[in-house]
Amino acid sequence: MKPFLKGLGAVAVVAVLAVLTAGVVVFLASLLRSAMRWFFNGVNPTVTAAIVAGVATTVISVFTVVIGRYLERRSAIEAEIRKSKIPVYTELVRALDMES
């Protein structure tokens, strides 16, 4: 961590950032809710339910694919790192074995 984020000051900074982030999330959620109420005002509830279900399905599908690709990429990177460590560990074991 940076020198200015050590000790009790770090806890205070993290707490303030957490509260600010939570506040921004709540504000954006309420803004989205009021925008949706304005957009769907006077629309047939059946049509509204269909639109919301379609949007939710699309968003969840995209989110699932993005998270899956991220996890796949992360595991590929970890596998490459593991491959690069094999020669180092082999040499370490060989050196330790020669000392015995």
Protein backbone atom coordinates (compact mmCIF):
# COMPACT_ATOMS: atom_id res chain seq x y z
CA MET A 1 0.00 0.00 0.00
CA LYS A 2 1.02 3.57 -0.40
CA PRO A 3 2.69 5.16 2.64
CA PHE A 4 -0.21 7.55 3.18
CA LEU A 5 -2.68 4.65 3.37
CA LYS A 6 -1.16 2.88 6.36
CA GLY A 7 -2.68 2.30 9.77
CA LEU A 8 -5.92 3.79 10.97
CA GLY A 9 -5.95 6.34 8.16
CA ALA A 10 -6.29 3.52 5.63
CA VAL A 11 -9.34 2.17 7.42
CA ALA A 12 -10.92 5.61 7.43
CA VAL A 13 -10.21 6.15 3.73
CA VAL A 14 -11.62 2.74 2.83
CA ALA A 15 -14.71 3.35 4.99
CA VAL A 16 -15.35 6.73 3.38
CA LEU A 17 -14.89 5.29 -0.11
CA ALA A 18 -17.25 2.41 0.72
CA VAL A 19 -19.93 4.79 1.97
CA LEU A 20 -19.53 7.04 -1.07
CA THR A 21 -19.71 4.07 -3.43
CA ALA A 22 -22.82 2.75 -1.70
CA GLY A 23 -24.39 6.19 -1.91
CA VAL A 24 -23.67 6.46 -5.63
CA VAL A 25 -25.10 2.99 -6.24
CA VAL A 26 -28.29 3.81 -4.31
CA PHE A 27 -28.63 7.13 -6.15
CA LEU A 28 -28.18 5.51 -9.55
CA ALA A 29 -30.65 2.74 -8.66
CA SER A 30 -33.28 5.28 -7.62
CA LEU A 31 -32.62 7.31 -10.76
CA LEU A 32 -33.03 4.18 -12.90
CA ARG A 33 -36.23 3.27 -11.05
CA SER A 34 -37.77 6.70 -11.63
CA ALA A 35 -36.72 6.64 -15.30
CA MET A 36 -38.33 3.22 -15.73
CA ARG A 37 -41.52 4.42 -14.06
CA TRP A 38 -41.65 7.39 -16.41
CA PHE A 39 -40.91 5.22 -19.45
CA PHE A 40 -43.51 2.55 -18.64
CA ASN A 41 -46.20 4.94 -17.36
CA GLY A 42 -49.49 4.10 -19.03
CA VAL A 43 -48.19 1.00 -20.84
CA ASN A 44 -50.11 -2.26 -20.60
CA PRO A 45 -48.66 -4.30 -17.69
CA THR A 46 -48.40 -7.39 -19.88
CA VAL A 47 -46.25 -5.53 -22.40
CA THR A 48 -44.15 -4.08 -19.58
CA ALA A 49 -43.56 -7.55 -18.11
CA ALA A 50 -42.52 -8.90 -21.52
CA ILE A 51 -40.09 -6.03 -22.11
CA VAL A 52 -38.56 -6.36 -18.65
CA ALA A 53 -38.21 -10.14 -19.05
CA GLY A 54 -36.56 -9.75 -22.46
CA VAL A 55 -34.12 -7.12 -21.24
CA ALA A 56 -33.29 -9.15 -18.13
CA THR A 57 -32.67 -12.27 -20.20
CA THR A 58 -30.37 -10.40 -22.56
CA VAL A 59 -28.43 -8.67 -19.79
CA ILE A 60 -27.96 -11.88 -17.81
CA SER A 61 -26.83 -13.77 -20.94
CA VAL A 62 -24.25 -11.13 -21.82
CA PHE A 63 -23.07 -10.95 -18.20
CA THR A 64 -22.68 -14.73 -18.05
CA VAL A 65 -20.64 -14.84 -21.27
CA VAL A 66 -18.40 -11.97 -20.16
CA ILE A 67 -17.73 -13.54 -16.75
CA GLY A 68 -17.09 -16.93 -18.38
CA ARG A 69 -14.57 -15.45 -20.80
CA TYR A 70 -12.86 -13.58 -17.99
CA LEU A 71 -12.53 -16.71 -15.88
CA GLU A 72 -11.32 -18.69 -18.90
CA ARG A 73 -8.67 -16.09 -19.69
CA ARG A 74 -7.57 -15.95 -16.06
CA SER A 75 -7.15 -19.73 -15.87
CA ALA A 76 -5.16 -19.70 -19.13
CA ILE A 77 -2.83 -17.05 -17.69
CA GLU A 78 -2.41 -19.06 -14.50
CA ALA A 79 -1.58 -22.16 -16.56
CA GLU A 80 1.09 -20.22 -18.47
CA ILE A 81 2.57 -18.94 -15.23
CA ARG A 82 2.58 -22.48 -13.86
CA LYS A 83 4.40 -23.70 -17.01
CA SER A 84 7.03 -21.00 -16.63
CA LYS A 85 7.62 -21.99 -12.99
CA ILE A 86 8.26 -25.67 -13.74
CA PRO A 87 11.89 -25.21 -14.88
CA VAL A 88 12.66 -23.02 -11.86
CA TYR A 89 11.27 -25.56 -9.42
CA THR A 90 12.99 -28.42 -11.24
CA GLU A 91 16.32 -26.62 -10.92
CA LEU A 92 15.59 -25.89 -7.24
CA VAL A 93 14.85 -29.54 -6.49
CA ARG A 94 17.93 -30.63 -8.42
CA ALA A 95 20.10 -28.18 -6.45
CA LEU A 96 18.61 -29.29 -3.13
CA ASP A 97 19.08 -32.92 -4.09
CA MET A 98 22.78 -32.34 -4.84
CA GLU A 99 23.30 -30.82 -1.38
CA SER A 100 22.03 -33.96 0.35
